[in-house]
């Protein structure tokens, strides 16, 4: 690597996840589980930053691509980065590496994680579709309930109006009965 390109390489910034896209952020825990460790962040001119990673068990280097995959690439490390890599290599030898050595096993595990991730994404999409369908049904039922409430309200108002009219008719009937009773009494008295 020439000196100018090396100037654009920086160690791991504190806000690393903010600099990665969503897929890379999701892939980061999985690749760490497989023994890949972030080494430094490249910042090529006019391009997205690239996260350079190294496998602690076999020393391979690569780049975490935008799609979350690892692009194996032979990258020369500076001295202080090689020291960090050798420190990680010694932890692998003590048994703290969660995965056994061997790139085939790592690649197989990574492929398995990707398949699981795809399944989860499909389940999430299916759940979102079902949720959208249920929301639509709820809105439709809410509309039907509002229409029913309006009809009930209209019927209640009609019953109230009919009740008032019925009361008026009963009052009028009672008044007519009283008048009729008075007329009948007068006629009875006349007849006697």
N, C-alpha and C. Protein backbone atom coordinates (compact mmCIF):
# COMPACT_ATOMS: atom_id res chain seq x y z
N UNK A 1 0.83 -1.18 0.00
CA UNK A 1 0.00 0.00 0.00
C UNK A 1 0.88 1.24 0.00
N UNK A 2 0.49 2.25 -0.76
CA UNK A 2 1.31 3.45 -0.76
C UNK A 2 0.96 4.32 0.44
N UNK A 3 1.82 5.28 0.70
CA UNK A 3 1.69 6.11 1.89
C UNK A 3 0.38 6.89 1.92
N UNK A 4 -0.09 7.41 0.77
CA UNK A 4 -1.32 8.22 0.74
C UNK A 4 -2.53 7.39 1.13
N UNK A 5 -2.60 6.16 0.66
CA UNK A 5 -3.74 5.31 1.03
C UNK A 5 -3.70 4.99 2.51
N UNK A 6 -2.51 4.78 3.04
CA UNK A 6 -2.40 4.46 4.46
C UNK A 6 -2.89 5.62 5.32
N UNK A 7 -2.76 6.84 4.84
CA UNK A 7 -3.23 7.98 5.61
C UNK A 7 -4.75 7.94 5.78
N UNK A 8 -5.44 7.35 4.79
CA UNK A 8 -6.90 7.32 4.87
C UNK A 8 -7.41 6.20 5.77
N UNK A 9 -6.51 5.23 6.14
CA UNK A 9 -6.92 4.16 7.04
C UNK A 9 -6.88 4.68 8.47
N UNK A 10 -7.90 4.36 9.23
CA UNK A 10 -7.92 4.78 10.63
C UNK A 10 -8.22 3.56 11.48
N UNK A 11 -7.86 3.65 12.75
CA UNK A 11 -8.21 2.56 13.65
C UNK A 11 -9.74 2.55 13.82
N UNK A 12 -10.24 1.65 14.61
CA UNK A 12 -11.69 1.51 14.79
C UNK A 12 -12.22 2.72 15.55
N UNK A 13 -13.13 3.51 14.91
CA UNK A 13 -13.69 4.67 15.60
C UNK A 13 -14.72 4.22 16.63
N UNK A 14 -14.98 5.09 17.62
CA UNK A 14 -15.96 4.76 18.66
C UNK A 14 -17.36 4.60 18.07
N UNK A 15 -17.66 5.35 17.04
CA UNK A 15 -18.99 5.30 16.42
C UNK A 15 -19.01 4.39 15.20
N UNK A 16 -18.32 3.25 15.29
CA UNK A 16 -18.19 2.34 14.14
C UNK A 16 -19.55 1.96 13.57
N UNK A 17 -20.47 1.55 14.42
CA UNK A 17 -21.77 1.08 13.93
C UNK A 17 -22.53 2.17 13.18
N UNK A 18 -22.35 3.42 13.56
CA UNK A 18 -23.00 4.52 12.86
C UNK A 18 -22.45 4.67 11.43
N UNK A 19 -21.23 4.23 11.21
CA UNK A 19 -20.61 4.36 9.90
C UNK A 19 -20.95 3.19 8.97
N UNK A 20 -21.53 2.11 9.54
CA UNK A 20 -21.89 0.93 8.75
C UNK A 20 -23.36 1.02 8.34
N UNK A 21 -23.69 0.34 7.25
CA UNK A 21 -25.10 0.31 6.87
C UNK A 21 -25.83 -0.71 7.74
N UNK A 22 -27.15 -0.78 7.60
CA UNK A 22 -27.97 -1.64 8.46
C UNK A 22 -27.59 -3.12 8.34
N UNK A 23 -27.35 -3.58 7.12
CA UNK A 23 -27.00 -5.00 6.91
C UNK A 23 -25.66 -5.31 7.57
N UNK A 24 -24.70 -4.40 7.43
CA UNK A 24 -23.39 -4.62 8.04
C UNK A 24 -23.51 -4.63 9.57
N UNK A 25 -24.36 -3.74 10.11
CA UNK A 25 -24.57 -3.70 11.56
C UNK A 25 -25.15 -5.03 12.05
N UNK A 26 -26.06 -5.60 11.27
CA UNK A 26 -26.67 -6.87 11.65
C UNK A 26 -25.67 -8.02 11.52
N UNK A 27 -24.77 -7.94 10.56
CA UNK A 27 -23.80 -9.01 10.32
C UNK A 27 -22.65 -8.98 11.33
N UNK A 28 -22.37 -7.82 11.91
CA UNK A 28 -21.20 -7.66 12.77
C UNK A 28 -21.15 -8.65 13.93
N UNK A 29 -22.24 -8.85 14.71
CA UNK A 29 -22.16 -9.84 15.80
C UNK A 29 -21.88 -11.26 15.28
N UNK A 30 -22.46 -11.61 14.14
CA UNK A 30 -22.25 -12.95 13.58
C UNK A 30 -20.82 -13.19 13.16
N UNK A 31 -20.21 -12.19 12.53
CA UNK A 31 -18.83 -12.40 12.09
C UNK A 31 -17.88 -12.39 13.28
N UNK A 32 -18.24 -11.63 14.32
CA UNK A 32 -17.40 -11.66 15.53
C UNK A 32 -17.50 -13.04 16.17
N UNK A 33 -18.68 -13.61 16.16
CA UNK A 33 -18.87 -14.95 16.71
C UNK A 33 -18.04 -15.97 15.96
N UNK A 34 -17.88 -15.75 14.67
CA UNK A 34 -17.09 -16.67 13.84
C UNK A 34 -15.59 -16.42 13.93
N UNK A 35 -15.18 -15.49 14.77
CA UNK A 35 -13.75 -15.25 14.98
C UNK A 35 -13.18 -14.09 14.19
N UNK A 36 -14.00 -13.34 13.48
CA UNK A 36 -13.52 -12.19 12.72
C UNK A 36 -13.56 -10.97 13.63
N UNK A 37 -12.47 -10.22 13.61
CA UNK A 37 -12.37 -9.02 14.44
C UNK A 37 -12.11 -7.80 13.57
N UNK A 38 -12.80 -6.69 13.84
CA UNK A 38 -12.50 -5.44 13.11
C UNK A 38 -11.08 -4.99 13.42
N UNK A 39 -10.37 -4.56 12.37
CA UNK A 39 -8.99 -4.10 12.55
C UNK A 39 -8.88 -2.59 12.34
N UNK A 40 -9.40 -2.12 11.24
CA UNK A 40 -9.39 -0.68 10.99
C UNK A 40 -10.42 -0.35 9.94
N UNK A 41 -10.68 0.92 9.80
CA UNK A 41 -11.67 1.41 8.86
C UNK A 41 -10.95 2.16 7.74
N UNK A 42 -11.14 1.69 6.51
CA UNK A 42 -10.59 2.39 5.35
C UNK A 42 -11.59 3.45 4.93
N UNK A 43 -11.08 4.57 4.51
CA UNK A 43 -11.95 5.63 4.00
C UNK A 43 -11.44 6.07 2.62
N UNK A 44 -11.71 5.25 1.59
CA UNK A 44 -11.26 5.64 0.25
C UNK A 44 -11.99 6.90 -0.20
N UNK A 45 -11.27 7.71 -0.97
CA UNK A 45 -11.88 8.96 -1.45
C UNK A 45 -13.08 8.67 -2.35
N UNK A 46 -14.15 9.40 -2.13
CA UNK A 46 -15.37 9.33 -2.93
C UNK A 46 -16.04 7.96 -2.87
N UNK A 47 -15.77 7.17 -1.83
CA UNK A 47 -16.38 5.85 -1.67
C UNK A 47 -16.83 5.68 -0.23
N UNK A 48 -17.68 4.71 -0.03
CA UNK A 48 -18.14 4.40 1.33
C UNK A 48 -16.98 3.82 2.13
N UNK A 49 -16.96 4.06 3.43
CA UNK A 49 -15.90 3.47 4.26
C UNK A 49 -15.96 1.94 4.20
N UNK A 50 -14.78 1.30 4.32
CA UNK A 50 -14.69 -0.16 4.29
C UNK A 50 -14.11 -0.63 5.62
N UNK A 51 -14.79 -1.63 6.22
CA UNK A 51 -14.30 -2.19 7.48
C UNK A 51 -13.40 -3.39 7.15
N UNK A 52 -12.12 -3.27 7.53
CA UNK A 52 -11.17 -4.36 7.33
C UNK A 52 -11.23 -5.24 8.57
N UNK A 53 -11.38 -6.55 8.34
CA UNK A 53 -11.50 -7.51 9.43
C UNK A 53 -10.45 -8.59 9.28
N UNK A 54 -10.14 -9.26 10.40
CA UNK A 54 -9.15 -10.32 10.37
C UNK A 54 -9.66 -11.48 11.21
N UNK A 55 -9.44 -12.70 10.70
CA UNK A 55 -9.86 -13.90 11.42
C UNK A 55 -8.79 -14.21 12.45
N UNK A 56 -9.19 -14.28 13.72
CA UNK A 56 -8.22 -14.47 14.80
C UNK A 56 -7.64 -15.88 14.83
N UNK A 57 -8.33 -16.85 14.21
CA UNK A 57 -7.81 -18.22 14.27
C UNK A 57 -6.82 -18.54 13.16
N UNK A 58 -7.05 -18.00 11.96
CA UNK A 58 -6.14 -18.36 10.86
C UNK A 58 -5.45 -17.17 10.22
N UNK A 59 -5.72 -15.96 10.71
CA UNK A 59 -5.02 -14.78 10.23
C UNK A 59 -5.49 -14.23 8.90
N UNK A 60 -6.52 -14.85 8.29
CA UNK A 60 -7.01 -14.32 7.01
C UNK A 60 -7.56 -12.91 7.23
N UNK A 61 -7.47 -12.09 6.19
CA UNK A 61 -8.02 -10.73 6.24
C UNK A 61 -9.08 -10.59 5.16
N UNK A 62 -9.96 -9.64 5.38
CA UNK A 62 -11.02 -9.40 4.41
C UNK A 62 -11.71 -8.08 4.70
N UNK A 63 -12.76 -7.86 3.92
CA UNK A 63 -13.55 -6.63 4.05
C UNK A 63 -15.01 -7.03 4.25
N UNK A 64 -15.68 -6.37 5.19
CA UNK A 64 -17.10 -6.59 5.40
C UNK A 64 -17.85 -5.78 4.34
N UNK A 65 -18.42 -6.49 3.35
CA UNK A 65 -19.10 -5.82 2.24
C UNK A 65 -20.43 -5.24 2.67
N UNK A 66 -21.00 -4.39 1.82
CA UNK A 66 -22.27 -3.71 2.10
C UNK A 66 -23.42 -4.69 2.27
N UNK A 67 -23.32 -5.88 1.68
CA UNK A 67 -24.40 -6.88 1.80
C UNK A 67 -24.20 -7.78 3.01
N UNK A 68 -23.20 -7.48 3.86
CA UNK A 68 -22.96 -8.25 5.07
C UNK A 68 -22.06 -9.45 4.88
N UNK A 69 -21.58 -9.67 3.66
CA UNK A 69 -20.71 -10.81 3.41
C UNK A 69 -19.25 -10.39 3.61
N UNK A 70 -18.41 -11.41 3.75
CA UNK A 70 -16.98 -11.17 3.94
C UNK A 70 -16.28 -11.40 2.61
N UNK A 71 -15.57 -10.38 2.15
CA UNK A 71 -14.77 -10.51 0.92
C UNK A 71 -13.33 -10.73 1.36
N UNK A 72 -12.87 -11.97 1.19
CA UNK A 72 -11.50 -12.32 1.60
C UNK A 72 -10.53 -11.58 0.69
N UNK A 73 -9.58 -10.90 1.31
CA UNK A 73 -8.63 -10.11 0.55
C UNK A 73 -7.32 -10.09 1.32
N UNK A 74 -6.21 -10.23 0.64
CA UNK A 74 -4.91 -10.18 1.29
C UNK A 74 -4.57 -8.70 1.53
N UNK A 75 -4.63 -8.31 2.77
CA UNK A 75 -4.37 -6.91 3.13
C UNK A 75 -3.16 -6.87 4.04
N UNK A 76 -2.19 -6.04 3.67
CA UNK A 76 -1.00 -5.89 4.50
C UNK A 76 -1.35 -5.02 5.69
N UNK A 77 -0.99 -5.51 6.86
CA UNK A 77 -1.28 -4.79 8.09
C UNK A 77 -0.05 -4.01 8.54
N UNK A 78 -0.27 -2.87 9.17
CA UNK A 78 0.84 -2.14 9.77
C UNK A 78 1.32 -2.91 11.00
N UNK A 79 2.45 -2.51 11.51
CA UNK A 79 3.03 -3.24 12.64
C UNK A 79 2.09 -3.29 13.83
N UNK A 80 1.50 -2.16 14.22
CA UNK A 80 0.66 -2.16 15.42
C UNK A 80 -0.61 -2.98 15.20
N UNK A 81 -1.07 -3.07 13.95
CA UNK A 81 -2.23 -3.89 13.67
C UNK A 81 -1.85 -5.37 13.69
N UNK A 82 -0.64 -5.69 13.25
CA UNK A 82 -0.19 -7.08 13.31
C UNK A 82 -0.02 -7.52 14.75
N UNK A 83 0.45 -6.60 15.61
CA UNK A 83 0.58 -6.92 17.03
C UNK A 83 -0.79 -7.25 17.61
N UNK A 84 -1.77 -6.45 17.27
CA UNK A 84 -3.13 -6.71 17.75
C UNK A 84 -3.60 -8.07 17.24
N UNK A 85 -3.29 -8.38 15.98
CA UNK A 85 -3.70 -9.66 15.41
C UNK A 85 -3.03 -10.80 16.15
N UNK A 86 -1.73 -10.64 16.50
CA UNK A 86 -1.05 -11.72 17.20
C UNK A 86 -1.61 -11.88 18.60
N UNK A 87 -2.04 -10.79 19.23
CA UNK A 87 -2.69 -10.89 20.54
C UNK A 87 -3.96 -11.73 20.42
N UNK A 88 -4.74 -11.49 19.39
CA UNK A 88 -5.95 -12.25 19.19
C UNK A 88 -5.63 -13.70 18.87
N UNK A 89 -4.54 -13.93 18.15
CA UNK A 89 -4.12 -15.29 17.86
C UNK A 89 -3.77 -16.04 19.13
N UNK A 90 -3.15 -15.35 20.10
CA UNK A 90 -2.80 -16.03 21.35
C UNK A 90 -4.04 -16.34 22.16
N UNK A 91 -5.08 -15.53 22.09
CA UNK A 91 -6.32 -15.85 22.81
C UNK A 91 -7.00 -17.04 22.17
N UNK A 92 -6.83 -17.20 20.86
CA UNK A 92 -7.42 -18.37 20.20
C UNK A 92 -6.72 -19.62 20.67
N UNK A 93 -5.43 -19.52 20.89
CA UNK A 93 -4.68 -20.69 21.31
C UNK A 93 -5.06 -21.10 22.73
N UNK A 94 -5.51 -20.14 23.56
CA UNK A 94 -5.90 -20.47 24.93
C UNK A 94 -7.31 -21.00 25.03
N UNK A 95 -8.02 -21.01 23.93
CA UNK A 95 -9.35 -21.61 23.95
C UNK A 95 -10.48 -20.62 24.09
N UNK A 96 -10.22 -19.33 24.04
CA UNK A 96 -11.31 -18.37 24.17
C UNK A 96 -12.00 -18.11 22.84
N UNK A 97 -11.47 -18.64 21.75
CA UNK A 97 -12.11 -18.51 20.44
C UNK A 97 -13.37 -19.37 20.43
N UNK A 98 -14.54 -18.81 20.13
CA UNK A 98 -15.77 -19.58 20.20
C UNK A 98 -15.91 -20.62 19.10
N UNK A 99 -15.15 -20.51 18.00
CA UNK A 99 -15.29 -21.45 16.89
C UNK A 99 -13.97 -22.22 16.71
N UNK A 100 -14.03 -23.45 16.30
CA UNK A 100 -12.80 -24.19 16.04
C UNK A 100 -12.07 -23.61 14.83
N UNK A 101 -10.77 -23.84 14.77
CA UNK A 101 -9.98 -23.31 13.66
C UNK A 101 -10.39 -23.99 12.36
N UNK A 102 -10.20 -23.27 11.27
CA UNK A 102 -10.49 -23.85 9.96
C UNK A 102 -11.47 -22.98 9.21
N UNK A 103 -11.06 -22.49 8.07
CA UNK A 103 -11.91 -21.57 7.32
C UNK A 103 -13.17 -22.24 6.81
N UNK A 104 -13.15 -23.52 6.49
CA UNK A 104 -14.34 -24.21 5.97
C UNK A 104 -15.43 -24.22 7.03
N UNK A 105 -15.06 -24.49 8.28
CA UNK A 105 -16.04 -24.50 9.37
C UNK A 105 -16.62 -23.11 9.57
N UNK A 106 -15.78 -22.10 9.49
CA UNK A 106 -16.23 -20.73 9.66
C UNK A 106 -17.19 -20.34 8.53
N UNK A 107 -16.78 -20.68 7.31
CA UNK A 107 -17.62 -20.35 6.16
C UNK A 107 -18.95 -21.07 6.23
N UNK A 108 -18.92 -22.33 6.66
CA UNK A 108 -20.15 -23.10 6.78
C UNK A 108 -21.07 -22.48 7.84
N UNK A 109 -20.49 -22.11 8.98
CA UNK A 109 -21.27 -21.48 10.05
C UNK A 109 -21.84 -20.14 9.59
N UNK A 110 -21.04 -19.36 8.85
CA UNK A 110 -21.50 -18.09 8.33
C UNK A 110 -22.65 -18.30 7.34
N UNK A 111 -22.52 -19.30 6.49
CA UNK A 111 -23.60 -19.61 5.54
C UNK A 111 -24.87 -20.02 6.29
N UNK A 112 -24.70 -20.80 7.35
CA UNK A 112 -25.85 -21.21 8.16
C UNK A 112 -26.52 -20.00 8.81
N UNK A 113 -25.71 -19.07 9.32
CA UNK A 113 -26.25 -17.85 9.92
C UNK A 113 -26.99 -17.01 8.89
N UNK A 114 -26.45 -16.96 7.67
CA UNK A 114 -27.14 -16.21 6.61
C UNK A 114 -28.48 -16.84 6.28
N UNK A 115 -28.53 -18.19 6.21
CA UNK A 115 -29.79 -18.88 5.93
C UNK A 115 -30.80 -18.58 7.04
N UNK A 116 -30.32 -18.67 8.29
CA UNK A 116 -31.20 -18.36 9.42
C UNK A 116 -31.69 -16.92 9.35
N UNK A 117 -30.79 -16.01 8.98
CA UNK A 117 -31.16 -14.60 8.84
C UNK A 117 -32.22 -14.41 7.77
N UNK A 118 -32.05 -15.10 6.63
CA UNK A 118 -33.04 -15.02 5.56
C UNK A 118 -34.40 -15.54 6.02
N UNK A 119 -34.38 -16.65 6.77
CA UNK A 119 -35.64 -17.21 7.28
C UNK A 119 -36.32 -16.20 8.22
N UNK A 120 -35.52 -15.60 9.09
CA UNK A 120 -36.08 -14.62 10.02
C UNK A 120 -36.65 -13.42 9.27
N UNK A 121 -35.93 -12.96 8.24
CA UNK A 121 -36.42 -11.84 7.45
C UNK A 121 -37.73 -12.20 6.76
N UNK A 122 -37.83 -13.44 6.25
CA UNK A 122 -39.07 -13.89 5.61
C UNK A 122 -40.21 -13.94 6.62
N UNK A 123 -39.92 -14.42 7.83
CA UNK A 123 -40.95 -14.46 8.88
C UNK A 123 -41.38 -13.06 9.27
N UNK A 124 -40.43 -12.13 9.33
CA UNK A 124 -40.77 -10.75 9.67
C UNK A 124 -41.67 -10.15 8.60
N UNK A 125 -41.33 -10.38 7.32
CA UNK A 125 -42.16 -9.86 6.23
C UNK A 125 -43.56 -10.46 6.28
N UNK A 126 -43.63 -11.77 6.56
CA UNK A 126 -44.93 -12.44 6.64
C UNK A 126 -45.74 -11.86 7.81
N UNK A 127 -45.08 -11.63 8.94
CA UNK A 127 -45.76 -11.04 10.09
C UNK A 127 -46.25 -9.63 9.77
N UNK A 128 -45.42 -8.86 9.08
CA UNK A 128 -45.82 -7.49 8.70
C UNK A 128 -47.01 -7.52 7.76
N UNK A 129 -47.01 -8.50 6.82
CA UNK A 129 -48.13 -8.63 5.89
C UNK A 129 -49.41 -9.00 6.66
N UNK A 130 -49.29 -9.95 7.59
CA UNK A 130 -50.46 -10.36 8.39
C UNK A 130 -50.95 -9.20 9.24
N UNK A 131 -50.02 -8.43 9.79
CA UNK A 131 -50.40 -7.27 10.61
C UNK A 131 -51.13 -6.23 9.76
N UNK A 132 -50.65 -6.00 8.54
CA UNK A 132 -51.30 -5.05 7.65
C UNK A 132 -52.71 -5.53 7.30
N UNK A 133 -52.84 -6.84 7.05
CA UNK A 133 -54.16 -7.41 6.75
C UNK A 133 -55.11 -7.25 7.94
N UNK A 134 -54.62 -7.55 9.14
CA UNK A 134 -55.45 -7.40 10.34
C UNK A 134 -55.83 -5.94 10.58
N UNK A 135 -54.89 -5.04 10.35
CA UNK A 135 -55.18 -3.62 10.51
C UNK A 135 -56.27 -3.18 9.55
N UNK A 136 -56.20 -3.68 8.32
CA UNK A 136 -57.22 -3.36 7.32
C UNK A 136 -58.58 -3.89 7.76
N UNK A 137 -58.61 -5.13 8.28
CA UNK A 137 -59.87 -5.71 8.74
C UNK A 137 -60.42 -4.93 9.93
N UNK A 138 -59.55 -4.52 10.84
CA UNK A 138 -59.98 -3.74 12.00
C UNK A 138 -60.59 -2.42 11.54
N UNK A 139 -59.93 -1.76 10.58
CA UNK A 139 -60.46 -0.49 10.07
C UNK A 139 -61.82 -0.68 9.41
N UNK A 140 -61.96 -1.79 8.66
CA UNK A 140 -63.23 -2.07 8.01
C UNK A 140 -64.32 -2.30 9.07
N UNK A 141 -64.02 -3.08 10.10
CA UNK A 141 -65.00 -3.33 11.15
C UNK A 141 -65.30 -2.06 11.93
N UNK A 142 -64.30 -1.22 12.12
CA UNK A 142 -64.53 0.06 12.80
C UNK A 142 -65.50 0.91 11.99
N UNK A 143 -65.32 0.92 10.66
CA UNK A 143 -66.24 1.67 9.80
C UNK A 143 -67.65 1.12 9.89
N UNK A 144 -67.78 -0.23 9.88
CA UNK A 144 -69.10 -0.85 10.00
C UNK A 144 -69.73 -0.52 11.34
N UNK A 145 -68.92 -0.55 12.41
CA UNK A 145 -69.44 -0.20 13.74
C UNK A 145 -69.91 1.25 13.79
N UNK A 146 -69.17 2.14 13.15
CA UNK A 146 -69.58 3.56 13.12
C UNK A 146 -70.91 3.71 12.39
N UNK A 147 -71.06 2.97 11.25
CA UNK A 147 -72.34 3.03 10.53
C UNK A 147 -73.46 2.49 11.40
N UNK A 148 -73.22 1.37 12.08
CA UNK A 148 -74.24 0.79 12.96
C UNK A 148 -74.58 1.76 14.08
N UNK A 149 -73.59 2.40 14.64
CA UNK A 149 -73.83 3.37 15.72
C UNK A 149 -74.67 4.53 15.22
N UNK A 150 -74.40 4.99 14.01
CA UNK A 150 -75.20 6.08 13.45
C UNK A 150 -76.64 5.64 13.24
N UNK A 151 -76.84 4.41 12.74
CA UNK A 151 -78.20 3.88 12.56
C UNK A 151 -78.91 3.76 13.90
N UNK A 152 -78.21 3.21 14.90
CA UNK A 152 -78.81 3.08 16.23
C UNK A 152 -79.16 4.44 16.81
N UNK A 153 -78.29 5.39 16.62
CA UNK A 153 -78.55 6.75 17.10
C UNK A 153 -79.77 7.33 16.42
N UNK A 154 -79.88 7.11 15.12
CA UNK A 154 -81.05 7.60 14.37
C UNK A 154 -82.32 6.91 14.85
N UNK A 155 -82.25 5.59 15.05
CA UNK A 155 -83.42 4.85 15.55
C UNK A 155 -83.80 5.31 16.95
N UNK A 156 -82.82 5.54 17.79
CA UNK A 156 -83.10 6.02 19.15
C UNK A 156 -83.79 7.38 19.11
N UNK A 157 -83.31 8.26 18.25
CA UNK A 157 -83.94 9.59 18.11
C UNK A 157 -85.38 9.43 17.63
N UNK A 158 -85.61 8.49 16.70
CA UNK A 158 -86.96 8.24 16.19
C UNK A 158 -87.86 7.71 17.31
N UNK A 159 -87.33 6.77 18.11
CA UNK A 159 -88.11 6.23 19.24
C UNK A 159 -88.43 7.34 20.23
N UNK A 160 -87.48 8.18 20.51
CA UNK A 160 -87.72 9.30 21.43
C UNK A 160 -88.81 10.21 20.89
N UNK A 161 -88.73 10.51 19.59
CA UNK A 161 -89.74 11.36 18.96
C UNK A 161 -91.10 10.69 19.01
N UNK A 162 -91.15 9.38 18.71
CA UNK A 162 -92.41 8.63 18.76
C UNK A 162 -92.95 8.59 20.17
N UNK A 163 -92.09 8.47 21.18
CA UNK A 163 -92.52 8.44 22.58
C UNK A 163 -93.17 9.77 22.96
N UNK A 164 -92.55 10.87 22.52
CA UNK A 164 -93.12 12.20 22.81
C UNK A 164 -94.48 12.33 22.14
N UNK A 165 -94.57 11.90 20.87
CA UNK A 165 -95.86 11.98 20.15
C UNK A 165 -96.90 11.11 20.83
N UNK A 166 -96.50 9.91 21.27
CA UNK A 166 -97.42 9.00 21.95
C UNK A 166 -97.94 9.65 23.23
N UNK A 167 -97.06 10.29 23.97
CA UNK A 167 -97.47 10.96 25.21
C UNK A 167 -98.45 12.08 24.91
N UNK A 168 -98.17 12.84 23.84
CA UNK A 168 -99.09 13.91 23.46
C UNK A 168 -100.46 13.35 23.08
N UNK A 169 -100.45 12.24 22.33
CA UNK A 169 -101.72 11.61 21.94
C UNK A 169 -102.47 11.08 23.16
N UNK A 170 -101.74 10.49 24.12
CA UNK A 170 -102.39 10.00 25.33
C UNK A 170 -102.99 11.16 26.14
N UNK A 171 -102.24 12.25 26.21
CA UNK A 171 -102.76 13.43 26.92
C UNK A 171 -104.01 13.97 26.22
N UNK A 172 -103.96 14.02 24.91
CA UNK A 172 -105.12 14.51 24.14
C UNK A 172 -106.33 13.57 24.31
N UNK A 173 -106.04 12.25 24.30
CA UNK A 173 -107.11 11.27 24.48
C UNK A 173 -107.75 11.43 25.86
N UNK A 174 -106.90 11.63 26.89
CA UNK A 174 -107.42 11.83 28.25
C UNK A 174 -108.27 13.08 28.32
N UNK A 175 -107.82 14.14 27.64
CA UNK A 175 -108.59 15.39 27.62
C UNK A 175 -109.93 15.15 26.92
N UNK A 176 -109.93 14.45 25.80
CA UNK A 176 -111.17 14.16 25.07
C UNK A 176 -112.11 13.29 25.92
N UNK A 177 -111.55 12.33 26.66
CA UNK A 177 -112.38 11.49 27.52
C UNK A 177 -113.06 12.34 28.60
N UNK A 178 -112.29 13.27 29.18
CA UNK A 178 -112.88 14.15 30.20
C UNK A 178 -114.00 15.00 29.59
N UNK A 179 -113.73 15.55 28.40
CA UNK A 179 -114.77 16.37 27.75
C UNK A 179 -116.00 15.51 27.43
N UNK A 180 -115.78 14.31 26.96
CA UNK A 180 -116.89 13.43 26.61
C UNK A 180 -117.70 13.07 27.87
N UNK A 181 -116.94 12.80 28.97
CA UNK A 181 -117.62 12.47 30.22
C UNK A 181 -118.46 13.64 30.69
N UNK A 182 -117.95 14.85 30.53
CA UNK A 182 -118.72 16.04 30.92
C UNK A 182 -119.97 16.18 30.04
N UNK A 183 -119.81 15.96 28.73
CA UNK A 183 -120.96 16.07 27.81
C UNK A 183 -122.00 15.00 28.15
N UNK A 184 -121.54 13.79 28.42
CA UNK A 184 -122.45 12.70 28.77
C UNK A 184 -123.21 13.05 30.07
N UNK A 185 -122.51 13.61 31.04
CA UNK A 185 -123.14 14.01 32.30
C UNK A 185 -124.21 15.07 32.06
N UNK A 186 -123.87 16.01 31.22
CA UNK A 186 -124.84 17.09 30.91
C UNK A 186 -126.06 16.48 30.25
N UNK A 187 -125.89 15.56 29.30
CA UNK A 187 -127.02 14.95 28.61
C UNK A 187 -127.84 14.09 29.56
N UNK A 188 -127.20 13.42 30.47
CA UNK A 188 -127.92 12.62 31.45
C UNK A 188 -128.80 13.52 32.30
N UNK A 189 -128.24 14.64 32.71
CA UNK A 189 -129.01 15.55 33.55
C UNK A 189 -130.18 16.13 32.76
N UNK A 190 -130.00 16.38 31.50
CA UNK A 190 -131.08 16.91 30.68
C UNK A 190 -132.19 15.85 30.51
N UNK A 191 -131.79 14.64 30.34
CA UNK A 191 -132.75 13.56 30.14
C UNK A 191 -133.53 13.35 31.45
N UNK A 192 -132.99 13.44 32.53
CA UNK A 192 -133.68 13.20 33.79
C UNK A 192 -134.55 14.38 34.06
